[in-house]
């Protein structure tokens, strides 16, 4: 069996996979976005415009395929003004974690 005689198939990269920014062309945009995420407790919708600027920078420098930003979730219809938090909802309703552990078990044998 000769490995060099086999035909090799090269697959194109999957959507979302793109070259690394080795020359740091969009580094400042990335840092602003990551800083915003840190300051906003990782609420990405608050950093939407910075994310948009970062992706546009990458597209302008051929670091990712050119695409309509509206299709990438940046349309006015996709905009989130305030995300609803579900933190603590179960506790307010009386749920206690681990409460079921002390309950007697039923054995069916």
PDB file of N, CA and C in Angstrom:
ATOM      1  N   UNK A   1       0.836  -1.177   0.000  1.00  0.00           N
ATOM      2  CA  UNK A   1       0.000   0.000   0.000  1.00  0.00           C
ATOM      3  C   UNK A   1       0.885   1.246   0.000  1.00  0.00           C
ATOM      4  N   UNK A   2       0.795   2.038  -1.025  1.00  0.00           N
ATOM      5  CA  UNK A   2       1.631   3.217  -1.180  1.00  0.00           C
ATOM      6  C   UNK A   2       0.804   4.466  -0.856  1.00  0.00           C
ATOM      7  N   UNK A   3       1.193   5.179   0.188  1.00  0.00           N
ATOM      8  CA  UNK A   3       0.418   6.331   0.632  1.00  0.00           C
ATOM      9  C   UNK A   3       0.499   7.493  -0.348  1.00  0.00           C
ATOM     10  N   UNK A   4       1.586   7.626  -1.065  1.00  0.00           N
ATOM     11  CA  UNK A   4       1.733   8.758  -1.976  1.00  0.00           C
ATOM     12  C   UNK A   4       0.860   8.622  -3.215  1.00  0.00           C
ATOM     13  N   UNK A   5       0.414   7.431  -3.539  1.00  0.00           N
ATOM     14  CA  UNK A   5      -0.398   7.245  -4.734  1.00  0.00           C
ATOM     15  C   UNK A   5      -1.889   7.473  -4.468  1.00  0.00           C
ATOM     16  N   UNK A   6      -2.268   7.586  -3.198  1.00  0.00           N
ATOM     17  CA  UNK A   6      -3.671   7.820  -2.887  1.00  0.00           C
ATOM     18  C   UNK A   6      -4.034   9.268  -3.172  1.00  0.00           C
ATOM     19  N   UNK A   7      -5.241   9.440  -3.675  1.00  0.00           N
ATOM     20  CA  UNK A   7      -5.709  10.784  -3.968  1.00  0.00           C
ATOM     21  C   UNK A   7      -6.136  11.453  -2.665  1.00  0.00           C
ATOM     22  N   UNK A   8      -5.665  12.666  -2.440  1.00  0.00           N
ATOM     23  CA  UNK A   8      -6.003  13.383  -1.221  1.00  0.00           C
ATOM     24  C   UNK A   8      -7.092  14.406  -1.519  1.00  0.00           C
ATOM     25  N   UNK A   9      -8.080  14.454  -0.659  1.00  0.00           N
ATOM     26  CA  UNK A   9      -9.143  15.422  -0.796  1.00  0.00           C
ATOM     27  C   UNK A   9      -8.940  16.517   0.246  1.00  0.00           C
ATOM     28  N   UNK A  10      -8.951  17.739  -0.214  1.00  0.00           N
ATOM     29  CA  UNK A  10      -8.776  18.880   0.681  1.00  0.00           C
ATOM     30  C   UNK A  10     -10.137  19.523   0.876  1.00  0.00           C
ATOM     31  N   UNK A  11     -10.546  19.621   2.133  1.00  0.00           N
ATOM     32  CA  UNK A  11     -11.836  20.234   2.438  1.00  0.00           C
ATOM     33  C   UNK A  11     -11.634  21.722   2.684  1.00  0.00           C
ATOM     34  N   UNK A  12     -12.578  22.554   2.244  1.00  0.00           N
ATOM     35  CA  UNK A  12     -12.479  23.976   2.573  1.00  0.00           C
ATOM     36  C   UNK A  12     -12.734  24.160   4.065  1.00  0.00           C
ATOM     37  N   UNK A  13     -12.238  25.236   4.650  1.00  0.00           N
ATOM     38  CA  UNK A  13     -12.461  25.442   6.082  1.00  0.00           C
ATOM     39  C   UNK A  13     -13.942  25.607   6.384  1.00  0.00           C
ATOM     40  N   UNK A  14     -14.341  25.188   7.574  1.00  0.00           N
ATOM     41  CA  UNK A  14     -15.734  25.338   7.992  1.00  0.00           C
ATOM     42  C   UNK A  14     -16.041  26.807   8.215  1.00  0.00           C
ATOM     43  N   UNK A  15     -17.313  27.128   8.119  1.00  0.00           N
ATOM     44  CA  UNK A  15     -17.729  28.508   8.372  1.00  0.00           C
ATOM     45  C   UNK A  15     -17.345  28.855   9.813  1.00  0.00           C
ATOM     46  N   UNK A  16     -16.774  30.023  10.004  1.00  0.00           N
ATOM     47  CA  UNK A  16     -16.368  30.436  11.339  1.00  0.00           C
ATOM     48  C   UNK A  16     -14.902  30.169  11.631  1.00  0.00           C
ATOM     49  N   UNK A  17     -14.239  29.424  10.758  1.00  0.00           N
ATOM     50  CA  UNK A  17     -12.809  29.172  10.929  1.00  0.00           C
ATOM     51  C   UNK A  17     -12.072  30.107   9.977  1.00  0.00           C
ATOM     52  N   UNK A  18     -11.196  30.915  10.515  1.00  0.00           N
ATOM     53  CA  UNK A  18     -10.492  31.884   9.681  1.00  0.00           C
ATOM     54  C   UNK A  18      -9.077  32.067  10.195  1.00  0.00           C
ATOM     55  N   UNK A  19      -8.213  32.643   9.377  1.00  0.00           N
ATOM     56  CA  UNK A  19      -6.803  32.784   9.767  1.00  0.00           C
ATOM     57  C   UNK A  19      -6.622  33.622  11.028  1.00  0.00           C
ATOM     58  N   UNK A  20      -5.583  33.303  11.759  1.00  0.00           N
ATOM     59  CA  UNK A  20      -5.238  34.081  12.943  1.00  0.00           C
ATOM     60  C   UNK A  20      -4.686  35.434  12.522  1.00  0.00           C
ATOM     61  N   UNK A  21      -4.816  36.393  13.376  1.00  0.00           N
ATOM     62  CA  UNK A  21      -4.349  37.751  13.116  1.00  0.00           C
ATOM     63  C   UNK A  21      -2.896  37.868  13.575  1.00  0.00           C
ATOM     64  N   UNK A  22      -1.979  37.252  12.820  1.00  0.00           N
ATOM     65  CA  UNK A  22      -0.568  37.209  13.213  1.00  0.00           C
ATOM     66  C   UNK A  22       0.072  38.595  13.286  1.00  0.00           C
ATOM     67  N   UNK A  23      -0.410  39.514  12.445  1.00  0.00           N
ATOM     68  CA  UNK A  23       0.176  40.856  12.422  1.00  0.00           C
ATOM     69  C   UNK A  23      -0.536  41.823  13.364  1.00  0.00           C
ATOM     70  N   UNK A  24      -1.455  41.329  14.152  1.00  0.00           N
ATOM     71  CA  UNK A  24      -2.199  42.138  15.137  1.00  0.00           C
ATOM     72  C   UNK A  24      -2.879  43.340  14.506  1.00  0.00           C
ATOM     73  N   UNK A  25      -3.410  43.149  13.309  1.00  0.00           N
ATOM     74  CA  UNK A  25      -4.066  44.251  12.604  1.00  0.00           C
ATOM     75  C   UNK A  25      -5.362  44.679  13.296  1.00  0.00           C
ATOM     76  N   UNK A  26      -6.037  43.748  13.940  1.00  0.00           N
ATOM     77  CA  UNK A  26      -7.316  44.046  14.588  1.00  0.00           C
ATOM     78  C   UNK A  26      -7.229  43.880  16.103  1.00  0.00           C
ATOM     79  N   UNK A  27      -6.032  43.884  16.621  1.00  0.00           N
ATOM     80  CA  UNK A  27      -5.826  43.642  18.055  1.00  0.00           C
ATOM     81  C   UNK A  27      -6.505  44.701  18.925  1.00  0.00           C
ATOM     82  N   UNK A  28      -6.422  45.963  18.542  1.00  0.00           N
ATOM     83  CA  UNK A  28      -7.020  47.016  19.372  1.00  0.00           C
ATOM     84  C   UNK A  28      -8.537  46.837  19.454  1.00  0.00           C
ATOM     85  N   UNK A  29      -9.167  46.465  18.340  1.00  0.00           N
ATOM     86  CA  UNK A  29     -10.615  46.212  18.347  1.00  0.00           C
ATOM     87  C   UNK A  29     -10.944  45.036  19.258  1.00  0.00           C
ATOM     88  N   UNK A  30     -10.124  43.987  19.186  1.00  0.00           N
ATOM     89  CA  UNK A  30     -10.344  42.807  20.010  1.00  0.00           C
ATOM     90  C   UNK A  30     -10.201  43.163  21.495  1.00  0.00           C
ATOM     91  N   UNK A  31      -9.173  43.931  21.828  1.00  0.00           N
ATOM     92  CA  UNK A  31      -8.931  44.295  23.221  1.00  0.00           C
ATOM     93  C   UNK A  31     -10.053  45.168  23.773  1.00  0.00           C
ATOM     94  N   UNK A  32     -10.557  46.095  22.955  1.00  0.00           N
ATOM     95  CA  UNK A  32     -11.681  46.927  23.383  1.00  0.00           C
ATOM     96  C   UNK A  32     -12.904  46.064  23.666  1.00  0.00           C
ATOM     97  N   UNK A  33     -13.151  45.092  22.798  1.00  0.00           N
ATOM     98  CA  UNK A  33     -14.301  44.202  22.972  1.00  0.00           C
ATOM     99  C   UNK A  33     -14.156  43.369  24.248  1.00  0.00           C
ATOM    100  N   UNK A  34     -12.982  42.770  24.450  1.00  0.00           N
ATOM    101  CA  UNK A  34     -12.762  41.942  25.633  1.00  0.00           C
ATOM    102  C   UNK A  34     -12.832  42.773  26.919  1.00  0.00           C
ATOM    103  N   UNK A  35     -12.352  44.004  26.856  1.00  0.00           N
ATOM    104  CA  UNK A  35     -12.430  44.919  28.005  1.00  0.00           C
ATOM    105  C   UNK A  35     -13.889  45.223  28.320  1.00  0.00           C
ATOM    106  N   UNK A  36     -14.658  45.471  27.300  1.00  0.00           N
ATOM    107  CA  UNK A  36     -16.084  45.744  27.478  1.00  0.00           C
ATOM    108  C   UNK A  36     -16.783  44.543  28.109  1.00  0.00           C
ATOM    109  N   UNK A  37     -16.460  43.343  27.657  1.00  0.00           N
ATOM    110  CA  UNK A  37     -17.058  42.140  28.239  1.00  0.00           C
ATOM    111  C   UNK A  37     -16.738  42.038  29.727  1.00  0.00           C
ATOM    112  N   UNK A  38     -15.499  42.313  30.086  1.00  0.00           N
ATOM    113  CA  UNK A  38     -15.084  42.249  31.485  1.00  0.00           C
ATOM    114  C   UNK A  38     -15.839  43.280  32.320  1.00  0.00           C
ATOM    115  N   UNK A  39     -15.946  44.499  31.801  1.00  0.00           N
ATOM    116  CA  UNK A  39     -16.608  45.581  32.527  1.00  0.00           C
ATOM    117  C   UNK A  39     -18.117  45.378  32.642  1.00  0.00           C
ATOM    118  N   UNK A  40     -18.698  44.664  31.678  1.00  0.00           N
ATOM    119  CA  UNK A  40     -20.156  44.490  31.668  1.00  0.00           C
ATOM    120  C   UNK A  40     -20.577  43.118  32.184  1.00  0.00           C
ATOM    121  N   UNK A  41     -19.706  42.464  32.933  1.00  0.00           N
ATOM    122  CA  UNK A  41     -20.007  41.154  33.524  1.00  0.00           C
ATOM    123  C   UNK A  41     -20.397  40.133  32.446  1.00  0.00           C
ATOM    124  N   UNK A  42     -19.689  40.159  31.326  1.00  0.00           N
ATOM    125  CA  UNK A  42     -19.868  39.246  30.195  1.00  0.00           C
ATOM    126  C   UNK A  42     -21.245  39.320  29.542  1.00  0.00           C
ATOM    127  N   UNK A  43     -21.916  40.455  29.647  1.00  0.00           N
ATOM    128  CA  UNK A  43     -23.164  40.666  28.912  1.00  0.00           C
ATOM    129  C   UNK A  43     -22.798  41.148  27.515  1.00  0.00           C
ATOM    130  N   UNK A  44     -22.728  40.202  26.579  1.00  0.00           N
ATOM    131  CA  UNK A  44     -22.226  40.494  25.234  1.00  0.00           C
ATOM    132  C   UNK A  44     -23.073  41.519  24.495  1.00  0.00           C
ATOM    133  N   UNK A  45     -24.361  41.599  24.783  1.00  0.00           N
ATOM    134  CA  UNK A  45     -25.210  42.539  24.058  1.00  0.00           C
ATOM    135  C   UNK A  45     -24.826  43.990  24.339  1.00  0.00           C
ATOM    136  N   UNK A  46     -24.170  44.245  25.466  1.00  0.00           N
ATOM    137  CA  UNK A  46     -23.727  45.600  25.787  1.00  0.00           C
ATOM    138  C   UNK A  46     -22.503  46.000  24.959  1.00  0.00           C
ATOM    139  N   UNK A  47     -21.815  45.024  24.397  1.00  0.00           N
ATOM    140  CA  UNK A  47     -20.588  45.270  23.627  1.00  0.00           C
ATOM    141  C   UNK A  47     -20.805  44.999  22.137  1.00  0.00           C
ATOM    142  N   UNK A  48     -22.018  45.046  21.716  1.00  0.00           N
ATOM    143  CA  UNK A  48     -22.409  44.695  20.356  1.00  0.00           C
ATOM    144  C   UNK A  48     -21.656  45.497  19.289  1.00  0.00           C
ATOM    145  N   UNK A  49     -21.578  46.806  19.461  1.00  0.00           N
ATOM    146  CA  UNK A  49     -20.931  47.645  18.443  1.00  0.00           C
ATOM    147  C   UNK A  49     -19.429  47.368  18.364  1.00  0.00           C
ATOM    148  N   UNK A  50     -18.801  47.038  19.489  1.00  0.00           N
ATOM    149  CA  UNK A  50     -17.377  46.707  19.472  1.00  0.00           C
ATOM    150  C   UNK A  50     -17.147  45.376  18.761  1.00  0.00           C
ATOM    151  N   UNK A  51     -18.051  44.441  18.959  1.00  0.00           N
ATOM    152  CA  UNK A  51     -17.968  43.156  18.272  1.00  0.00           C
ATOM    153  C   UNK A  51     -18.126  43.360  16.768  1.00  0.00           C
ATOM    154  N   UNK A  52     -19.065  44.199  16.403  1.00  0.00           N
ATOM    155  CA  UNK A  52     -19.299  44.516  14.988  1.00  0.00           C
ATOM    156  C   UNK A  52     -18.042  45.138  14.368  1.00  0.00           C
ATOM    157  N   UNK A  53     -17.422  46.077  15.074  1.00  0.00           N
ATOM    158  CA  UNK A  53     -16.209  46.739  14.576  1.00  0.00           C
ATOM    159  C   UNK A  53     -15.066  45.740  14.409  1.00  0.00           C
ATOM    160  N   UNK A  54     -14.950  44.802  15.353  1.00  0.00           N
ATOM    161  CA  UNK A  54     -13.898  43.783  15.275  1.00  0.00           C
ATOM    162  C   UNK A  54     -14.095  42.889  14.054  1.00  0.00           C
ATOM    163  N   UNK A  55     -15.312  42.418  13.849  1.00  0.00           N
ATOM    164  CA  UNK A  55     -15.576  41.556  12.693  1.00  0.00           C
ATOM    165  C   UNK A  55     -15.386  42.319  11.383  1.00  0.00           C
ATOM    166  N   UNK A  56     -15.797  43.576  11.350  1.00  0.00           N
ATOM    167  CA  UNK A  56     -15.610  44.381  10.143  1.00  0.00           C
ATOM    168  C   UNK A  56     -14.123  44.572   9.850  1.00  0.00           C
ATOM    169  N   UNK A  57     -13.329  44.789  10.889  1.00  0.00           N
ATOM    170  CA  UNK A  57     -11.879  44.918  10.742  1.00  0.00           C
ATOM    171  C   UNK A  57     -11.301  43.653  10.112  1.00  0.00           C
ATOM    172  N   UNK A  58     -11.727  42.498  10.615  1.00  0.00           N
ATOM    173  CA  UNK A  58     -11.229  41.225  10.084  1.00  0.00           C
ATOM    174  C   UNK A  58     -11.617  41.050   8.617  1.00  0.00           C
ATOM    175  N   UNK A  59     -12.839  41.429   8.279  1.00  0.00           N
ATOM    176  CA  UNK A  59     -13.281  41.300   6.885  1.00  0.00           C
ATOM    177  C   UNK A  59     -12.511  42.248   5.976  1.00  0.00           C
ATOM    178  N   UNK A  60     -12.278  43.478   6.442  1.00  0.00           N
ATOM    179  CA  UNK A  60     -11.559  44.472   5.640  1.00  0.00           C
ATOM    180  C   UNK A  60     -10.130  44.030   5.335  1.00  0.00           C
ATOM    181  N   UNK A  61      -9.550  43.223   6.200  1.00  0.00           N
ATOM    182  CA  UNK A  61      -8.160  42.779   6.027  1.00  0.00           C
ATOM    183  C   UNK A  61      -8.059  41.327   5.553  1.00  0.00           C
ATOM    184  N   UNK A  62      -9.166  40.799   5.022  1.00  0.00           N
ATOM    185  CA  UNK A  62      -9.236  39.428   4.496  1.00  0.00           C
ATOM    186  C   UNK A  62      -8.815  38.364   5.525  1.00  0.00           C
ATOM    187  N   UNK A  63      -9.115  38.621   6.791  1.00  0.00           N
ATOM    188  CA  UNK A  63      -8.841  37.632   7.828  1.00  0.00           C
ATOM    189  C   UNK A  63     -10.056  36.739   8.065  1.00  0.00           C
ATOM    190  N   UNK A  64     -11.149  37.062   7.394  1.00  0.00           N
ATOM    191  CA  UNK A  64     -12.323  36.192   7.377  1.00  0.00           C
ATOM    192  C   UNK A  64     -13.117  36.531   6.120  1.00  0.00           C
ATOM    193  N   UNK A  65     -13.990  35.630   5.735  1.00  0.00           N
ATOM    194  CA  UNK A  65     -14.772  35.832   4.519  1.00  0.00           C
ATOM    195  C   UNK A  65     -15.677  37.052   4.672  1.00  0.00           C
ATOM    196  N   UNK A  66     -15.787  37.809   3.599  1.00  0.00           N
ATOM    197  CA  UNK A  66     -16.676  38.970   3.575  1.00  0.00           C
ATOM    198  C   UNK A  66     -18.111  38.463   3.671  1.00  0.00           C
ATOM    199  N   UNK A  67     -18.869  39.016   4.593  1.00  0.00           N
ATOM    200  CA  UNK A  67     -20.246  38.596   4.795  1.00  0.00           C
ATOM    201  C   UNK A  67     -21.050  39.787   5.280  1.00  0.00           C
ATOM    202  N   UNK A  68     -22.337  39.733   5.064  1.00  0.00           N
ATOM    203  CA  UNK A  68     -23.223  40.790   5.527  1.00  0.00           C
ATOM    204  C   UNK A  68     -23.359  40.687   7.040  1.00  0.00           C
ATOM    205  N   UNK A  69     -23.029  41.758   7.742  1.00  0.00           N
ATOM    206  CA  UNK A  69     -23.084  41.732   9.202  1.00  0.00           C
ATOM    207  C   UNK A  69     -24.505  41.510   9.722  1.00  0.00           C
ATOM    208  N   UNK A  70     -25.500  41.876   8.939  1.00  0.00           N
ATOM    209  CA  UNK A  70     -26.885  41.614   9.342  1.00  0.00           C
ATOM    210  C   UNK A  70     -27.146  40.116   9.439  1.00  0.00           C
ATOM    211  N   UNK A  71     -26.514  39.340   8.570  1.00  0.00           N
ATOM    212  CA  UNK A  71     -26.665  37.885   8.602  1.00  0.00           C
ATOM    213  C   UNK A  71     -25.898  37.266   9.770  1.00  0.00           C
ATOM    214  N   UNK A  72     -24.958  38.012  10.321  1.00  0.00           N
ATOM    215  CA  UNK A  72     -24.169  37.524  11.447  1.00  0.00           C
ATOM    216  C   UNK A  72     -24.771  37.940  12.790  1.00  0.00           C
ATOM    217  N   UNK A  73     -25.995  38.450  12.752  1.00  0.00           N
ATOM    218  CA  UNK A  73     -26.689  38.784  13.996  1.00  0.00           C
ATOM    219  C   UNK A  73     -26.588  40.241  14.398  1.00  0.00           C
ATOM    220  N   UNK A  74     -26.223  41.118  13.477  1.00  0.00           N
ATOM    221  CA  UNK A  74     -26.080  42.532  13.811  1.00  0.00           C
ATOM    222  C   UNK A  74     -27.171  43.401  13.197  1.00  0.00           C
ATOM    223  N   UNK A  75     -28.282  42.786  12.809  1.00  0.00           N
ATOM    224  CA  UNK A  75     -29.391  43.564  12.262  1.00  0.00           C
ATOM    225  C   UNK A  75     -30.134  44.246  13.406  1.00  0.00           C
ATOM    226  N   UNK A  76     -30.936  45.244  13.076  1.00  0.00           N
ATOM    227  CA  UNK A  76     -31.719  45.951  14.096  1.00  0.00           C
ATOM    228  C   UNK A  76     -32.714  45.001  14.767  1.00  0.00           C
ATOM    229  N   UNK A  77     -33.232  44.024  14.006  1.00  0.00           N
ATOM    230  CA  UNK A  77     -34.198  43.071  14.553  1.00  0.00           C
ATOM    231  C   UNK A  77     -33.550  42.159  15.598  1.00  0.00           C
ATOM    232  N   UNK A  78     -32.257  41.909  15.452  1.00  0.00           N
ATOM    233  CA  UNK A  78     -31.553  41.005  16.367  1.00  0.00           C
ATOM    234  C   UNK A  78     -30.990  41.732  17.585  1.00  0.00           C
ATOM    235  N   UNK A  79     -31.156  43.041  17.625  1.00  0.00           N
ATOM    236  CA  UNK A  79     -30.575  43.823  18.717  1.00  0.00           C
ATOM    237  C   UNK A  79     -31.276  43.519  20.040  1.00  0.00           C
ATOM    238  N   UNK A  80     -30.484  43.369  21.085  1.00  0.00           N
ATOM    239  CA  UNK A  80     -30.998  43.106  22.428  1.00  0.00           C
ATOM    240  C   UNK A  80     -30.780  44.363  23.257  1.00  0.00           C
ATOM    241  N   UNK A  81     -31.853  44.889  23.801  1.00  0.00           N
ATOM    242  CA  UNK A  81     -31.732  46.095  24.623  1.00  0.00           C
ATOM    243  C   UNK A  81     -31.349  45.714  26.053  1.00  0.00           C
ATOM    244  N   UNK A  82     -32.091  44.801  26.634  1.00  0.00           N
ATOM    245  CA  UNK A  82     -31.827  44.352  27.997  1.00  0.00           C
ATOM    246  C   UNK A  82     -32.143  42.866  28.073  1.00  0.00           C
ATOM    247  N   UNK A  83     -31.168  42.059  28.396  1.00  0.00           N
ATOM    248  CA  UNK A  83     -31.378  40.618  28.501  1.00  0.00           C
ATOM    249  C   UNK A  83     -32.004  40.302  29.857  1.00  0.00           C
ATOM    250  N   UNK A  84     -32.979  39.413  29.827  1.00  0.00           N
ATOM    251  CA  UNK A  84     -33.625  39.003  31.077  1.00  0.00           C
ATOM    252  C   UNK A  84     -32.724  38.010  31.797  1.00  0.00           C
ATOM    253  N   UNK A  85     -32.525  38.244  33.071  1.00  0.00           N
ATOM    254  CA  UNK A  85     -31.704  37.344  33.864  1.00  0.00           C
ATOM    255  C   UNK A  85     -32.600  36.353  34.586  1.00  0.00           C
ATOM    256  N   UNK A  86     -32.208  35.097  34.552  1.00  0.00           N
ATOM    257  CA  UNK A  86     -32.961  34.074  35.260  1.00  0.00           C
ATOM    258  C   UNK A  86     -32.247  33.675  36.548  1.00  0.00           C
ATOM    259  N   UNK A  87     -31.283  34.458  36.931  1.00  0.00           N
ATOM    260  CA  UNK A  87     -30.515  34.200  38.152  1.00  0.00           C
ATOM    261  C   UNK A  87     -31.421  34.287  39.372  1.00  0.00           C
ATOM    262  N   UNK A  88     -31.472  33.216  40.156  1.00  0.00           N
ATOM    263  CA  UNK A  88     -32.208  33.216  41.409  1.00  0.00           C
ATOM    264  C   UNK A  88     -33.702  32.970  41.306  1.00  0.00           C
ATOM    265  N   UNK A  89     -34.215  32.715  40.116  1.00  0.00           N
ATOM    266  CA  UNK A  89     -35.658  32.505  39.955  1.00  0.00           C
ATOM    267  C   UNK A  89     -36.125  31.266  40.715  1.00  0.00           C
ATOM    268  N   UNK A  90     -35.394  30.173  40.620  1.00  0.00           N
ATOM    269  CA  UNK A  90     -35.783  28.948  41.329  1.00  0.00           C
ATOM    270  C   UNK A  90     -35.795  29.164  42.833  1.00  0.00           C
ATOM    271  N   UNK A  91     -34.810  29.880  43.348  1.00  0.00           N
ATOM    272  CA  UNK A  91     -34.728  30.119  44.774  1.00  0.00           C
ATOM    273  C   UNK A  91     -35.917  30.944  45.259  1.00  0.00           C
ATOM    274  N   UNK A  92     -36.338  31.931  44.465  1.00  0.00           N
ATOM    275  CA  UNK A  92     -37.489  32.758  44.811  1.00  0.00           C
ATOM    276  C   UNK A  92     -38.753  31.903  44.874  1.00  0.00           C
ATOM    277  N   UNK A  93     -38.810  30.886  44.020  1.00  0.00           N
ATOM    278  CA  UNK A  93     -39.977  29.998  43.987  1.00  0.00           C
ATOM    279  C   UNK A  93     -39.907  28.909  45.050  1.00  0.00           C
ATOM    280  N   UNK A  94     -38.888  28.900  45.875  1.00  0.00           N
ATOM    281  CA  UNK A  94     -38.799  27.965  46.979  1.00  0.00           C
ATOM    282  C   UNK A  94     -37.911  26.758  46.736  1.00  0.00           C
ATOM    283  N   UNK A  95     -37.205  26.711  45.625  1.00  0.00           N
ATOM    284  CA  UNK A  95     -36.324  25.584  45.319  1.00  0.00           C
ATOM    285  C   UNK A  95     -35.078  25.641  46.206  1.00  0.00           C
ATOM    286  N   UNK A  96     -34.703  24.492  46.758  1.00  0.00           N
ATOM    287  CA  UNK A  96     -33.469  24.397  47.531  1.00  0.00           C
ATOM    288  C   UNK A  96     -32.628  23.274  46.939  1.00  0.00           C
ATOM    289  N   UNK A  97     -31.418  23.594  46.540  1.00  0.00           N
ATOM    290  CA  UNK A  97     -30.541  22.594  45.930  1.00  0.00           C
ATOM    291  C   UNK A  97     -30.193  21.513  46.935  1.00  0.00           C
ATOM    292  N   UNK A  98     -30.245  20.260  46.501  1.00  0.00           N
ATOM    293  CA  UNK A  98     -29.855  19.133  47.331  1.00  0.00           C
ATOM    294  C   UNK A  98     -30.927  18.668  48.301  1.00  0.00           C
ATOM    295  N   UNK A  99     -32.072  19.299  48.296  1.00  0.00           N
ATOM    296  CA  UNK A  99     -33.137  18.963  49.237  1.00  0.00           C
ATOM    297  C   UNK A  99     -33.639  17.525  49.052  1.00  0.00           C
ATOM    298  N   UNK A 100     -33.616  17.045  47.827  1.00  0.00           N
ATOM    299  CA  UNK A 100     -34.123  15.708  47.523  1.00  0.00           C
ATOM    300  C   UNK A 100     -33.181  14.599  47.998  1.00  0.00           C
ATOM    301  N   UNK A 101     -31.953  14.915  48.319  1.00  0.00           N
ATOM    302  CA  UNK A 101     -30.953  13.894  48.653  1.00  0.00           C
ATOM    303  C   UNK A 101     -31.297  13.175  49.959  1.00  0.00           C
ATOM    304  N   UNK A 102     -31.821  13.882  50.938  1.00  0.00           N
ATOM    305  CA  UNK A 102     -32.153  13.269  52.216  1.00  0.00           C
ATOM    306  C   UNK A 102     -33.468  12.507  52.205  1.00  0.00           C
ATOM    307  N   UNK A 103     -34.223  12.583  51.141  1.00  0.00           N
ATOM    308  CA  UNK A 103     -35.525  11.920  51.066  1.00  0.00           C
ATOM    309  C   UNK A 103     -35.344  10.404  51.016  1.00  0.00           C
ATOM    310  N   UNK A 104     -36.254   9.643  51.659  1.00  0.00           N
ATOM    311  CA  UNK A 104     -36.151   8.184  51.610  1.00  0.00           C
ATOM    312  C   UNK A 104     -36.315   7.680  50.179  1.00  0.00           C
ATOM    313  N   UNK A 105     -35.534   6.679  49.850  1.00  0.00           N
ATOM    314  CA  UNK A 105     -35.574   6.121  48.494  1.00  0.00           C
ATOM    315  C   UNK A 105     -36.524   4.934  48.437  1.00  0.00           C
ATOM    316  N   UNK A 106     -37.118   4.771  47.292  1.00  0.00           N
ATOM    317  CA  UNK A 106     -38.005   3.641  47.065  1.00  0.00           C
ATOM    318  C   UNK A 106     -37.226   2.560  46.337  1.00  0.00           C
ATOM    319  N   UNK A 107     -37.301   1.365  46.848  1.00  0.00           N
ATOM    320  CA  UNK A 107     -36.627   0.244  46.208  1.00  0.00           C
ATOM    321  C   UNK A 107     -37.688  -0.676  45.625  1.00  0.00           C
ATOM    322  N   UNK A 108     -37.482  -1.050  44.394  1.00  0.00           N
ATOM    323  CA  UNK A 108     -38.503  -1.829  43.682  1.00  0.00           C
ATOM    324  C   UNK A 108     -38.049  -3.254  43.406  1.00  0.00           C
ATOM    325  N   UNK A 109     -37.395  -3.925  44.381  1.00  0.00           N
ATOM    326  CA  UNK A 109     -36.982  -5.320  44.190  1.00  0.00           C
ATOM    327  C   UNK A 109     -37.069  -6.112  45.395  1.00  0.00           C
TER     328      UNK A 109
END
